[in-house]
Amino acid sequence: MERNGCFSIERMEIIQPWARAGDLSSQAFTMHLRAGMEGIISKHFGTEIIDELFDRYCKKHGEFIGLLESKCNEGNQLFIVLKRI
């Protein structure tokens, strides 16, 4: 990135995105997801489905939390902040 001269790397770190997901209840996890995704989903599918969609998601999250937690430690992500020069 720095060699092409268009960007400089301001910050770089390896993160484990699911490391703290186990600390959240199904309800809290669903609320976080809804806060970020409700607008996008509403534009595509309408507002009528939103409550039922996230209620179903919360129930499914509760059913499969054990699977999610077992996969949490399998991967990392690289977080990079770039600044355009």
PDB file of N, CA and C in Angstrom:
ATOM      1  N   MET A   1       0.822  -1.196   0.000  1.00  0.00           N
ATOM      2  CA  MET A   1       0.000   0.000   0.000  1.00  0.00           C
ATOM      3  C   MET A   1       0.862   1.255   0.000  1.00  0.00           C
ATOM      4  N   GLU A   2       1.880   1.232   0.813  1.00  0.00           N
ATOM      5  CA  GLU A   2       2.724   2.422   0.884  1.00  0.00           C
ATOM      6  C   GLU A   2       3.568   2.596  -0.383  1.00  0.00           C
ATOM      7  N   ARG A   3       3.938   1.483  -1.035  1.00  0.00           N
ATOM      8  CA  ARG A   3       4.773   1.574  -2.236  1.00  0.00           C
ATOM      9  C   ARG A   3       4.066   2.259  -3.393  1.00  0.00           C
ATOM     10  N   ASN A   4       2.735   2.100  -3.515  1.00  0.00           N
ATOM     11  CA  ASN A   4       2.056   2.717  -4.652  1.00  0.00           C
ATOM     12  C   ASN A   4       1.900   4.224  -4.474  1.00  0.00           C
ATOM     13  N   GLY A   5       2.142   4.731  -3.274  1.00  0.00           N
ATOM     14  CA  GLY A   5       2.155   6.169  -3.042  1.00  0.00           C
ATOM     15  C   GLY A   5       0.798   6.819  -2.848  1.00  0.00           C
ATOM     16  N   CYS A   6      -0.281   6.044  -2.886  1.00  0.00           N
ATOM     17  CA  CYS A   6      -1.620   6.621  -2.732  1.00  0.00           C
ATOM     18  C   CYS A   6      -2.098   6.626  -1.277  1.00  0.00           C
ATOM     19  N   PHE A   7      -1.563   5.723  -0.468  1.00  0.00           N
ATOM     20  CA  PHE A   7      -2.012   5.587   0.910  1.00  0.00           C
ATOM     21  C   PHE A   7      -0.824   5.447   1.847  1.00  0.00           C
ATOM     22  N   SER A   8      -1.055   5.828   3.081  1.00  0.00           N
ATOM     23  CA  SER A   8      -0.103   5.503   4.144  1.00  0.00           C
ATOM     24  C   SER A   8      -0.863   4.676   5.174  1.00  0.00           C
ATOM     25  N   ILE A   9      -0.177   3.751   5.826  1.00  0.00           N
ATOM     26  CA  ILE A   9      -0.796   2.913   6.843  1.00  0.00           C
ATOM     27  C   ILE A   9      -0.700   3.636   8.180  1.00  0.00           C
ATOM     28  N   GLU A  10      -1.848   4.000   8.714  1.00  0.00           N
ATOM     29  CA  GLU A  10      -1.911   4.726   9.974  1.00  0.00           C
ATOM     30  C   GLU A  10      -1.924   3.783  11.175  1.00  0.00           C
ATOM     31  N   ARG A  11      -2.559   2.632  10.990  1.00  0.00           N
ATOM     32  CA  ARG A  11      -2.673   1.674  12.090  1.00  0.00           C
ATOM     33  C   ARG A  11      -2.914   0.281  11.507  1.00  0.00           C
ATOM     34  N   MET A  12      -2.316  -0.725  12.127  1.00  0.00           N
ATOM     35  CA  MET A  12      -2.523  -2.098  11.693  1.00  0.00           C
ATOM     36  C   MET A  12      -2.464  -3.007  12.908  1.00  0.00           C
ATOM     37  N   GLU A  13      -3.450  -3.899  13.029  1.00  0.00           N
ATOM     38  CA  GLU A  13      -3.445  -4.855  14.128  1.00  0.00           C
ATOM     39  C   GLU A  13      -4.248  -6.093  13.751  1.00  0.00           C
ATOM     40  N   ILE A  14      -3.922  -7.190  14.386  1.00  0.00           N
ATOM     41  CA  ILE A  14      -4.660  -8.433  14.210  1.00  0.00           C
ATOM     42  C   ILE A  14      -5.706  -8.492  15.308  1.00  0.00           C
ATOM     43  N   ILE A  15      -6.947  -8.758  14.907  1.00  0.00           N
ATOM     44  CA  ILE A  15      -8.033  -8.812  15.886  1.00  0.00           C
ATOM     45  C   ILE A  15      -8.754 -10.146  15.786  1.00  0.00           C
ATOM     46  N   GLN A  16      -9.411 -10.513  16.857  1.00  0.00           N
ATOM     47  CA  GLN A  16     -10.289 -11.673  16.894  1.00  0.00           C
ATOM     48  C   GLN A  16     -11.707 -11.135  17.042  1.00  0.00           C
ATOM     49  N   PRO A  17     -12.444 -11.030  15.940  1.00  0.00           N
ATOM     50  CA  PRO A  17     -13.739 -10.350  15.970  1.00  0.00           C
ATOM     51  C   PRO A  17     -14.781 -11.003  16.860  1.00  0.00           C
ATOM     52  N   TRP A  18     -14.685 -12.305  17.096  1.00  0.00           N
ATOM     53  CA  TRP A  18     -15.697 -12.988  17.903  1.00  0.00           C
ATOM     54  C   TRP A  18     -15.258 -13.199  19.340  1.00  0.00           C
ATOM     55  N   ALA A  19     -14.102 -12.664  19.715  1.00  0.00           N
ATOM     56  CA  ALA A  19     -13.564 -12.945  21.043  1.00  0.00           C
ATOM     57  C   ALA A  19     -14.527 -12.537  22.156  1.00  0.00           C
ATOM     58  N   ARG A  20     -15.247 -11.450  21.977  1.00  0.00           N
ATOM     59  CA  ARG A  20     -16.160 -10.990  23.035  1.00  0.00           C
ATOM     60  C   ARG A  20     -17.618 -11.281  22.722  1.00  0.00           C
ATOM     61  N   ALA A  21     -17.888 -11.962  21.611  1.00  0.00           N
ATOM     62  CA  ALA A  21     -19.276 -12.249  21.241  1.00  0.00           C
ATOM     63  C   ALA A  21     -19.964 -13.131  22.280  1.00  0.00           C
ATOM     64  N   GLY A  22     -19.220 -14.003  22.928  1.00  0.00           N
ATOM     65  CA  GLY A  22     -19.797 -14.879  23.936  1.00  0.00           C
ATOM     66  C   GLY A  22     -20.285 -14.138  25.164  1.00  0.00           C
ATOM     67  N   ASP A  23     -19.810 -12.905  25.352  1.00  0.00           N
ATOM     68  CA  ASP A  23     -20.229 -12.104  26.496  1.00  0.00           C
ATOM     69  C   ASP A  23     -21.634 -11.538  26.322  1.00  0.00           C
ATOM     70  N   LEU A  24     -22.144 -11.537  25.095  1.00  0.00           N
ATOM     71  CA  LEU A  24     -23.442 -10.954  24.810  1.00  0.00           C
ATOM     72  C   LEU A  24     -24.531 -12.019  24.839  1.00  0.00           C
ATOM     73  N   SER A  25     -25.677 -11.665  25.391  1.00  0.00           N
ATOM     74  CA  SER A  25     -26.827 -12.561  25.328  1.00  0.00           C
ATOM     75  C   SER A  25     -27.366 -12.546  23.900  1.00  0.00           C
ATOM     76  N   SER A  26     -28.227 -13.490  23.593  1.00  0.00           N
ATOM     77  CA  SER A  26     -28.838 -13.530  22.253  1.00  0.00           C
ATOM     78  C   SER A  26     -29.591 -12.241  21.976  1.00  0.00           C
ATOM     79  N   GLN A  27     -30.281 -11.736  22.977  1.00  0.00           N
ATOM     80  CA  GLN A  27     -31.046 -10.499  22.812  1.00  0.00           C
ATOM     81  C   GLN A  27     -30.126  -9.316  22.526  1.00  0.00           C
ATOM     82  N   ALA A  28     -29.040  -9.194  23.283  1.00  0.00           N
ATOM     83  CA  ALA A  28     -28.107  -8.084  23.080  1.00  0.00           C
ATOM     84  C   ALA A  28     -27.414  -8.185  21.729  1.00  0.00           C
ATOM     85  N   PHE A  29     -27.014  -9.396  21.346  1.00  0.00           N
ATOM     86  CA  PHE A  29     -26.366  -9.601  20.057  1.00  0.00           C
ATOM     87  C   PHE A  29     -27.310  -9.202  18.923  1.00  0.00           C
ATOM     88  N   THR A  30     -28.575  -9.599  19.044  1.00  0.00           N
ATOM     89  CA  THR A  30     -29.583  -9.259  18.033  1.00  0.00           C
ATOM     90  C   THR A  30     -29.804  -7.756  17.963  1.00  0.00           C
ATOM     91  N   MET A  31     -29.818  -7.089  19.094  1.00  0.00           N
ATOM     92  CA  MET A  31     -30.010  -5.630  19.104  1.00  0.00           C
ATOM     93  C   MET A  31     -28.854  -4.920  18.403  1.00  0.00           C
ATOM     94  N   HIS A  32     -27.624  -5.401  18.611  1.00  0.00           N
ATOM     95  CA  HIS A  32     -26.469  -4.812  17.935  1.00  0.00           C
ATOM     96  C   HIS A  32     -26.569  -5.010  16.431  1.00  0.00           C
ATOM     97  N   LEU A  33     -26.940  -6.209  16.017  1.00  0.00           N
ATOM     98  CA  LEU A  33     -27.091  -6.498  14.597  1.00  0.00           C
ATOM     99  C   LEU A  33     -28.213  -5.655  13.993  1.00  0.00           C
ATOM    100  N   ARG A  34     -29.309  -5.540  14.694  1.00  0.00           N
ATOM    101  CA  ARG A  34     -30.447  -4.767  14.197  1.00  0.00           C
ATOM    102  C   ARG A  34     -30.088  -3.291  14.036  1.00  0.00           C
ATOM    103  N   ALA A  35     -29.331  -2.768  14.979  1.00  0.00           N
ATOM    104  CA  ALA A  35     -28.941  -1.355  14.899  1.00  0.00           C
ATOM    105  C   ALA A  35     -28.150  -1.066  13.620  1.00  0.00           C
ATOM    106  N   GLY A  36     -27.336  -2.006  13.211  1.00  0.00           N
ATOM    107  CA  GLY A  36     -26.522  -1.790  12.023  1.00  0.00           C
ATOM    108  C   GLY A  36     -27.193  -2.170  10.720  1.00  0.00           C
ATOM    109  N   MET A  37     -28.131  -3.107  10.759  1.00  0.00           N
ATOM    110  CA  MET A  37     -28.670  -3.666   9.523  1.00  0.00           C
ATOM    111  C   MET A  37     -30.115  -3.298   9.209  1.00  0.00           C
ATOM    112  N   GLU A  38     -30.846  -2.771  10.162  1.00  0.00           N
ATOM    113  CA  GLU A  38     -32.278  -2.531   9.964  1.00  0.00           C
ATOM    114  C   GLU A  38     -32.559  -1.614   8.778  1.00  0.00           C
ATOM    115  N   GLY A  39     -31.799  -0.560   8.632  1.00  0.00           N
ATOM    116  CA  GLY A  39     -32.030   0.375   7.530  1.00  0.00           C
ATOM    117  C   GLY A  39     -31.836  -0.261   6.169  1.00  0.00           C
ATOM    118  N   ILE A  40     -30.794  -1.058   6.036  1.00  0.00           N
ATOM    119  CA  ILE A  40     -30.502  -1.713   4.756  1.00  0.00           C
ATOM    120  C   ILE A  40     -31.588  -2.734   4.422  1.00  0.00           C
ATOM    121  N   ILE A  41     -31.959  -3.546   5.402  1.00  0.00           N
ATOM    122  CA  ILE A  41     -32.980  -4.570   5.175  1.00  0.00           C
ATOM    123  C   ILE A  41     -34.330  -3.922   4.868  1.00  0.00           C
ATOM    124  N   SER A  42     -34.665  -2.854   5.575  1.00  0.00           N
ATOM    125  CA  SER A  42     -35.935  -2.164   5.348  1.00  0.00           C
ATOM    126  C   SER A  42     -36.042  -1.624   3.927  1.00  0.00           C
ATOM    127  N   LYS A  43     -34.958  -1.084   3.409  1.00  0.00           N
ATOM    128  CA  LYS A  43     -34.985  -0.534   2.049  1.00  0.00           C
ATOM    129  C   LYS A  43     -35.230  -1.625   1.007  1.00  0.00           C
ATOM    130  N   HIS A  44     -34.701  -2.806   1.253  1.00  0.00           N
ATOM    131  CA  HIS A  44     -34.840  -3.892   0.284  1.00  0.00           C
ATOM    132  C   HIS A  44     -36.148  -4.660   0.422  1.00  0.00           C
ATOM    133  N   PHE A  45     -36.601  -4.890   1.667  1.00  0.00           N
ATOM    134  CA  PHE A  45     -37.733  -5.777   1.884  1.00  0.00           C
ATOM    135  C   PHE A  45     -38.940  -5.111   2.545  1.00  0.00           C
ATOM    136  N   GLY A  46     -38.800  -3.859   2.958  1.00  0.00           N
ATOM    137  CA  GLY A  46     -39.892  -3.163   3.622  1.00  0.00           C
ATOM    138  C   GLY A  46     -39.805  -3.287   5.137  1.00  0.00           C
ATOM    139  N   THR A  47     -40.510  -2.402   5.812  1.00  0.00           N
ATOM    140  CA  THR A  47     -40.443  -2.347   7.274  1.00  0.00           C
ATOM    141  C   THR A  47     -41.365  -3.360   7.952  1.00  0.00           C
ATOM    142  N   GLU A  48     -42.292  -3.941   7.186  1.00  0.00           N
ATOM    143  CA  GLU A  48     -43.267  -4.845   7.781  1.00  0.00           C
ATOM    144  C   GLU A  48     -42.633  -6.104   8.355  1.00  0.00           C
ATOM    145  N   ILE A  49     -41.509  -6.529   7.803  1.00  0.00           N
ATOM    146  CA  ILE A  49     -40.912  -7.803   8.219  1.00  0.00           C
ATOM    147  C   ILE A  49     -39.877  -7.669   9.334  1.00  0.00           C
ATOM    148  N   ILE A  50     -39.503  -6.461   9.673  1.00  0.00           N
ATOM    149  CA  ILE A  50     -38.356  -6.230  10.552  1.00  0.00           C
ATOM    150  C   ILE A  50     -38.502  -6.888  11.922  1.00  0.00           C
ATOM    151  N   ASP A  51     -39.608  -6.656  12.604  1.00  0.00           N
ATOM    152  CA  ASP A  51     -39.774  -7.215  13.951  1.00  0.00           C
ATOM    153  C   ASP A  51     -39.725  -8.740  13.939  1.00  0.00           C
ATOM    154  N   GLU A  52     -40.460  -9.352  13.008  1.00  0.00           N
ATOM    155  CA  GLU A  52     -40.469 -10.815  12.939  1.00  0.00           C
ATOM    156  C   GLU A  52     -39.094 -11.363  12.559  1.00  0.00           C
ATOM    157  N   LEU A  53     -38.417 -10.700  11.632  1.00  0.00           N
ATOM    158  CA  LEU A  53     -37.092 -11.142  11.208  1.00  0.00           C
ATOM    159  C   LEU A  53     -36.118 -11.196  12.378  1.00  0.00           C
ATOM    160  N   PHE A  54     -36.044 -10.131  13.147  1.00  0.00           N
ATOM    161  CA  PHE A  54     -35.093 -10.091  14.247  1.00  0.00           C
ATOM    162  C   PHE A  54     -35.537 -10.938  15.444  1.00  0.00           C
ATOM    163  N   ASP A  55     -36.845 -11.139  15.613  1.00  0.00           N
ATOM    164  CA  ASP A  55     -37.309 -12.086  16.636  1.00  0.00           C
ATOM    165  C   ASP A  55     -36.856 -13.500  16.282  1.00  0.00           C
ATOM    166  N   ARG A  56     -37.009 -13.863  15.010  1.00  0.00           N
ATOM    167  CA  ARG A  56     -36.570 -15.193  14.562  1.00  0.00           C
ATOM    168  C   ARG A  56     -35.054 -15.331  14.677  1.00  0.00           C
ATOM    169  N   TYR A  57     -34.344 -14.273  14.319  1.00  0.00           N
ATOM    170  CA  TYR A  57     -32.883 -14.311  14.418  1.00  0.00           C
ATOM    171  C   TYR A  57     -32.448 -14.538  15.863  1.00  0.00           C
ATOM    172  N   CYS A  58     -33.081 -13.853  16.788  1.00  0.00           N
ATOM    173  CA  CYS A  58     -32.735 -13.986  18.204  1.00  0.00           C
ATOM    174  C   CYS A  58     -32.949 -15.421  18.672  1.00  0.00           C
ATOM    175  N   LYS A  59     -34.052 -16.037  18.263  1.00  0.00           N
ATOM    176  CA  LYS A  59     -34.318 -17.426  18.647  1.00  0.00           C
ATOM    177  C   LYS A  59     -33.273 -18.362  18.051  1.00  0.00           C
ATOM    178  N   LYS A  60     -32.939 -18.180  16.783  1.00  0.00           N
ATOM    179  CA  LYS A  60     -31.935 -19.027  16.127  1.00  0.00           C
ATOM    180  C   LYS A  60     -30.561 -18.830  16.756  1.00  0.00           C
ATOM    181  N   HIS A  61     -30.242 -17.608  17.095  1.00  0.00           N
ATOM    182  CA  HIS A  61     -28.961 -17.328  17.740  1.00  0.00           C
ATOM    183  C   HIS A  61     -28.870 -18.084  19.059  1.00  0.00           C
ATOM    184  N   GLY A  62     -29.957 -18.071  19.809  1.00  0.00           N
ATOM    185  CA  GLY A  62     -29.985 -18.799  21.070  1.00  0.00           C
ATOM    186  C   GLY A  62     -29.818 -20.301  20.889  1.00  0.00           C
ATOM    187  N   GLU A  63     -30.391 -20.845  19.810  1.00  0.00           N
ATOM    188  CA  GLU A  63     -30.294 -22.281  19.540  1.00  0.00           C
ATOM    189  C   GLU A  63     -28.875 -22.691  19.145  1.00  0.00           C
ATOM    190  N   PHE A  64     -28.191 -21.821  18.420  1.00  0.00           N
ATOM    191  CA  PHE A  64     -26.907 -22.194  17.848  1.00  0.00           C
ATOM    192  C   PHE A  64     -25.704 -21.508  18.482  1.00  0.00           C
ATOM    193  N   ILE A  65     -25.874 -20.887  19.643  1.00  0.00           N
ATOM    194  CA  ILE A  65     -24.779 -20.164  20.278  1.00  0.00           C
ATOM    195  C   ILE A  65     -23.598 -21.083  20.584  1.00  0.00           C
ATOM    196  N   GLY A  66     -23.854 -22.331  20.913  1.00  0.00           N
ATOM    197  CA  GLY A  66     -22.778 -23.272  21.185  1.00  0.00           C
ATOM    198  C   GLY A  66     -21.885 -23.479  19.970  1.00  0.00           C
ATOM    199  N   LEU A  67     -22.484 -23.601  18.800  1.00  0.00           N
ATOM    200  CA  LEU A  67     -21.712 -23.730  17.558  1.00  0.00           C
ATOM    201  C   LEU A  67     -20.909 -22.476  17.277  1.00  0.00           C
ATOM    202  N   LEU A  68     -21.524 -21.333  17.489  1.00  0.00           N
ATOM    203  CA  LEU A  68     -20.835 -20.065  17.236  1.00  0.00           C
ATOM    204  C   LEU A  68     -19.628 -19.908  18.153  1.00  0.00           C
ATOM    205  N   GLU A  69     -19.813 -20.228  19.424  1.00  0.00           N
ATOM    206  CA  GLU A  69     -18.718 -20.079  20.381  1.00  0.00           C
ATOM    207  C   GLU A  69     -17.571 -21.036  20.090  1.00  0.00           C
ATOM    208  N   SER A  70     -17.881 -22.230  19.608  1.00  0.00           N
ATOM    209  CA  SER A  70     -16.814 -23.193  19.318  1.00  0.00           C
ATOM    210  C   SER A  70     -15.980 -22.766  18.119  1.00  0.00           C
ATOM    211  N   LYS A  71     -16.527 -21.959  17.234  1.00  0.00           N
ATOM    212  CA  LYS A  71     -15.803 -21.508  16.045  1.00  0.00           C
ATOM    213  C   LYS A  71     -15.091 -20.170  16.260  1.00  0.00           C
ATOM    214  N   CYS A  72     -15.293 -19.549  17.396  1.00  0.00           N
ATOM    215  CA  CYS A  72     -14.762 -18.209  17.649  1.00  0.00           C
ATOM    216  C   CYS A  72     -13.243 -18.123  17.580  1.00  0.00           C
ATOM    217  N   ASN A  73     -12.564 -19.132  18.012  1.00  0.00           N
ATOM    218  CA  ASN A  73     -11.110 -19.062  18.102  1.00  0.00           C
ATOM    219  C   ASN A  73     -10.396 -19.563  16.856  1.00  0.00           C
ATOM    220  N   GLU A  74     -11.128 -19.815  15.781  1.00  0.00           N
ATOM    221  CA  GLU A  74     -10.531 -20.388  14.583  1.00  0.00           C
ATOM    222  C   GLU A  74      -9.946 -19.361  13.627  1.00  0.00           C
ATOM    223  N   GLY A  75     -10.249 -18.110  13.766  1.00  0.00           N
ATOM    224  CA  GLY A  75      -9.751 -17.159  12.793  1.00  0.00           C
ATOM    225  C   GLY A  75      -9.505 -15.780  13.360  1.00  0.00           C
ATOM    226  N   ASN A  76      -8.737 -15.033  12.635  1.00  0.00           N
ATOM    227  CA  ASN A  76      -8.433 -13.653  12.978  1.00  0.00           C
ATOM    228  C   ASN A  76      -8.713 -12.775  11.765  1.00  0.00           C
ATOM    229  N   GLN A  77      -8.747 -11.496  12.006  1.00  0.00           N
ATOM    230  CA  GLN A  77      -8.872 -10.529  10.930  1.00  0.00           C
ATOM    231  C   GLN A  77      -7.769  -9.518  11.070  1.00  0.00           C
ATOM    232  N   LEU A  78      -7.371  -8.967   9.951  1.00  0.00           N
ATOM    233  CA  LEU A  78      -6.373  -7.895   9.954  1.00  0.00           C
ATOM    234  C   LEU A  78      -7.113  -6.575   9.808  1.00  0.00           C
ATOM    235  N   PHE A  79      -6.936  -5.708  10.780  1.00  0.00           N
ATOM    236  CA  PHE A  79      -7.575  -4.397  10.788  1.00  0.00           C
ATOM    237  C   PHE A  79      -6.532  -3.366  10.384  1.00  0.00           C
ATOM    238  N   ILE A  80      -6.824  -2.621   9.312  1.00  0.00           N
ATOM    239  CA  ILE A  80      -5.865  -1.630   8.806  1.00  0.00           C
ATOM    240  C   ILE A  80      -6.588  -0.306   8.597  1.00  0.00           C
ATOM    241  N   VAL A  81      -5.995   0.763   9.101  1.00  0.00           N
ATOM    242  CA  VAL A  81      -6.505   2.109   8.852  1.00  0.00           C
ATOM    243  C   VAL A  81      -5.558   2.768   7.851  1.00  0.00           C
ATOM    244  N   LEU A  82      -6.132   3.146   6.706  1.00  0.00           N
ATOM    245  CA  LEU A  82      -5.342   3.797   5.660  1.00  0.00           C
ATOM    246  C   LEU A  82      -5.678   5.268   5.588  1.00  0.00           C
ATOM    247  N   LYS A  83      -4.713   6.053   5.188  1.00  0.00           N
ATOM    248  CA  LYS A  83      -4.915   7.483   4.982  1.00  0.00           C
ATOM    249  C   LYS A  83      -4.517   7.798   3.554  1.00  0.00           C
ATOM    250  N   ARG A  84      -5.449   8.396   2.821  1.00  0.00           N
ATOM    251  CA  ARG A  84      -5.161   8.769   1.442  1.00  0.00           C
ATOM    252  C   ARG A  84      -4.182   9.928   1.408  1.00  0.00           C
ATOM    253  N   ILE A  85      -3.145   9.795   0.590  1.00  0.00           N
ATOM    254  CA  ILE A  85      -2.111  10.841   0.500  1.00  0.00           C
ATOM    255  C   ILE A  85      -2.492  11.822  -0.594  1.00  0.00           C
TER     256      ILE A  85
END
